[in-house]
Amino acid sequence: MNENKFTQGNLDFEKMNATLANPDFANWYYNEMLNKSDVNLTMDEFVNIVNTYNSTKLQ
C-alpha cells in the first residue's frame, strides 16, 4: 500500500475518525457488508465506502 497516496488525496482523518466512531455508521456499514459477496476490501475501497456514507447521510 502506498501510504503517500492518502496524504496526497487530502483525506480528512478527523472526519474519517468521527465517522468510524459513529454508531449509526457501524450499523450502516454492517448492513452494507451483509449485501457483498466479497468482503475483502482494499484501503481505497474502504475509504470510498466511508465517503459514500458521509455524502449520503450528511445531505
N, C-alpha and C. Protein backbone atom coordinates (compact mmCIF):
# COMPACT_ATOMS: atom_id res chain seq x y z
N MET A 1 0.84 -1.18 0.00
CA MET A 1 0.00 0.00 0.00
C MET A 1 0.88 1.24 0.00
N ASN A 2 0.51 2.20 -0.78
CA ASN A 2 1.26 3.44 -0.87
C ASN A 2 0.71 4.44 0.15
N GLU A 3 1.42 4.60 1.26
CA GLU A 3 0.96 5.48 2.34
C GLU A 3 0.82 6.92 1.88
N ASN A 4 1.66 7.36 0.96
CA ASN A 4 1.62 8.75 0.49
C ASN A 4 0.37 9.05 -0.31
N LYS A 5 -0.24 8.04 -0.88
CA LYS A 5 -1.43 8.25 -1.68
C LYS A 5 -2.54 8.91 -0.85
N PHE A 6 -2.66 8.53 0.42
CA PHE A 6 -3.73 9.06 1.24
C PHE A 6 -3.46 10.48 1.70
N THR A 7 -2.20 10.84 1.92
CA THR A 7 -1.90 12.21 2.29
C THR A 7 -2.03 13.12 1.08
N GLN A 8 -1.73 12.60 -0.10
CA GLN A 8 -1.86 13.40 -1.31
C GLN A 8 -3.31 13.60 -1.71
N GLY A 9 -4.18 12.69 -1.30
CA GLY A 9 -5.58 12.76 -1.68
C GLY A 9 -6.42 13.66 -0.79
N ASN A 10 -5.78 14.41 0.11
CA ASN A 10 -6.49 15.32 1.00
C ASN A 10 -7.54 14.59 1.83
N LEU A 11 -7.20 13.41 2.31
CA LEU A 11 -8.10 12.65 3.16
C LEU A 11 -8.22 13.34 4.51
N ASP A 12 -9.43 13.59 4.93
CA ASP A 12 -9.69 14.27 6.21
C ASP A 12 -9.75 13.22 7.31
N PHE A 13 -8.64 13.00 8.00
CA PHE A 13 -8.56 11.95 9.00
C PHE A 13 -9.47 12.24 10.20
N GLU A 14 -9.66 13.50 10.55
CA GLU A 14 -10.55 13.82 11.67
C GLU A 14 -11.98 13.44 11.33
N LYS A 15 -12.41 13.76 10.12
CA LYS A 15 -13.77 13.40 9.69
C LYS A 15 -13.89 11.88 9.60
N MET A 16 -12.84 11.22 9.11
CA MET A 16 -12.85 9.76 9.00
C MET A 16 -12.99 9.13 10.38
N ASN A 17 -12.22 9.60 11.35
CA ASN A 17 -12.29 9.06 12.71
C ASN A 17 -13.66 9.31 13.34
N ALA A 18 -14.22 10.48 13.12
CA ALA A 18 -15.55 10.77 13.66
C ALA A 18 -16.59 9.84 13.06
N THR A 19 -16.48 9.58 11.79
CA THR A 19 -17.41 8.67 11.12
C THR A 19 -17.28 7.26 11.68
N LEU A 20 -16.05 6.78 11.83
CA LEU A 20 -15.82 5.43 12.33
C LEU A 20 -16.32 5.25 13.77
N ALA A 21 -16.34 6.33 14.54
CA ALA A 21 -16.81 6.27 15.92
C ALA A 21 -18.33 6.41 16.03
N ASN A 22 -18.99 6.70 14.95
CA ASN A 22 -20.43 6.93 14.93
C ASN A 22 -21.17 5.58 14.92
N PRO A 23 -22.02 5.32 15.93
CA PRO A 23 -22.77 4.05 15.95
C PRO A 23 -23.69 3.87 14.75
N ASP A 24 -24.21 4.96 14.23
CA ASP A 24 -25.06 4.86 13.03
C ASP A 24 -24.26 4.36 11.83
N PHE A 25 -23.01 4.83 11.73
CA PHE A 25 -22.14 4.34 10.65
C PHE A 25 -21.88 2.85 10.83
N ALA A 26 -21.62 2.41 12.05
CA ALA A 26 -21.34 1.00 12.30
C ALA A 26 -22.51 0.13 11.84
N ASN A 27 -23.71 0.54 12.15
CA ASN A 27 -24.90 -0.19 11.72
C ASN A 27 -25.04 -0.19 10.20
N TRP A 28 -24.86 0.97 9.61
CA TRP A 28 -24.96 1.10 8.15
C TRP A 28 -23.90 0.24 7.47
N TYR A 29 -22.67 0.29 7.97
CA TYR A 29 -21.55 -0.47 7.40
C TYR A 29 -21.82 -1.98 7.50
N TYR A 30 -22.29 -2.42 8.64
CA TYR A 30 -22.62 -3.83 8.83
C TYR A 30 -23.63 -4.29 7.79
N ASN A 31 -24.68 -3.50 7.60
CA ASN A 31 -25.69 -3.86 6.60
C ASN A 31 -25.14 -3.83 5.18
N GLU A 32 -24.25 -2.90 4.88
CA GLU A 32 -23.61 -2.85 3.56
C GLU A 32 -22.79 -4.11 3.32
N MET A 33 -22.07 -4.56 4.33
CA MET A 33 -21.21 -5.73 4.18
C MET A 33 -22.02 -7.02 4.07
N LEU A 34 -23.21 -7.05 4.65
CA LEU A 34 -24.08 -8.22 4.52
C LEU A 34 -24.47 -8.46 3.07
N ASN A 35 -24.56 -7.38 2.30
CA ASN A 35 -25.01 -7.47 0.91
C ASN A 35 -23.88 -7.72 -0.08
N LYS A 36 -22.65 -7.81 0.39
CA LYS A 36 -21.50 -8.00 -0.50
C LYS A 36 -21.08 -9.46 -0.49
N SER A 37 -20.75 -9.96 -1.67
CA SER A 37 -20.26 -11.33 -1.74
C SER A 37 -18.77 -11.40 -1.43
N ASP A 38 -18.04 -10.33 -1.73
CA ASP A 38 -16.61 -10.28 -1.47
C ASP A 38 -16.34 -9.19 -0.44
N VAL A 39 -15.98 -9.58 0.78
CA VAL A 39 -15.77 -8.60 1.83
C VAL A 39 -14.29 -8.29 2.04
N ASN A 40 -13.43 -8.74 1.15
CA ASN A 40 -12.01 -8.40 1.20
C ASN A 40 -11.83 -7.06 0.50
N LEU A 41 -11.70 -6.00 1.28
CA LEU A 41 -11.62 -4.65 0.73
C LEU A 41 -10.19 -4.15 0.73
N THR A 42 -9.89 -3.34 -0.26
CA THR A 42 -8.63 -2.60 -0.24
C THR A 42 -8.87 -1.34 0.60
N MET A 43 -7.80 -0.67 0.95
CA MET A 43 -7.93 0.57 1.71
C MET A 43 -8.72 1.60 0.90
N ASP A 44 -8.46 1.68 -0.40
CA ASP A 44 -9.20 2.62 -1.25
C ASP A 44 -10.69 2.33 -1.23
N GLU A 45 -11.06 1.05 -1.30
CA GLU A 45 -12.48 0.68 -1.28
C GLU A 45 -13.12 1.05 0.05
N PHE A 46 -12.40 0.83 1.15
CA PHE A 46 -12.93 1.17 2.46
C PHE A 46 -13.13 2.68 2.58
N VAL A 47 -12.16 3.45 2.14
CA VAL A 47 -12.29 4.91 2.18
C VAL A 47 -13.47 5.35 1.32
N ASN A 48 -13.66 4.73 0.17
CA ASN A 48 -14.80 5.07 -0.68
C ASN A 48 -16.13 4.76 0.01
N ILE A 49 -16.19 3.65 0.75
CA ILE A 49 -17.41 3.32 1.49
C ILE A 49 -17.70 4.39 2.54
N VAL A 50 -16.68 4.80 3.28
CA VAL A 50 -16.86 5.83 4.30
C VAL A 50 -17.29 7.15 3.65
N ASN A 51 -16.67 7.50 2.54
CA ASN A 51 -17.04 8.74 1.85
C ASN A 51 -18.46 8.66 1.30
N THR A 52 -18.87 7.49 0.82
CA THR A 52 -20.24 7.32 0.34
C THR A 52 -21.22 7.52 1.48
N TYR A 53 -20.92 6.93 2.63
CA TYR A 53 -21.77 7.13 3.81
C TYR A 53 -21.89 8.62 4.13
N ASN A 54 -20.77 9.30 4.19
CA ASN A 54 -20.77 10.72 4.53
C ASN A 54 -21.54 11.54 3.52
N SER A 55 -21.42 11.21 2.25
CA SER A 55 -22.10 12.02 1.22
C SER A 55 -23.60 11.75 1.20
N THR A 56 -24.04 10.53 1.55
CA THR A 56 -25.47 10.24 1.52
C THR A 56 -26.16 10.59 2.83
N LYS A 57 -25.47 10.46 3.95
CA LYS A 57 -26.10 10.69 5.25
C LYS A 57 -26.02 12.14 5.70
N LEU A 58 -25.15 12.92 5.13
CA LEU A 58 -24.98 14.31 5.57
C LEU A 58 -25.67 15.30 4.66
N GLN A 59 -26.51 14.82 3.77
CA GLN A 59 -27.20 15.74 2.85
C GLN A 59 -28.42 16.34 3.50
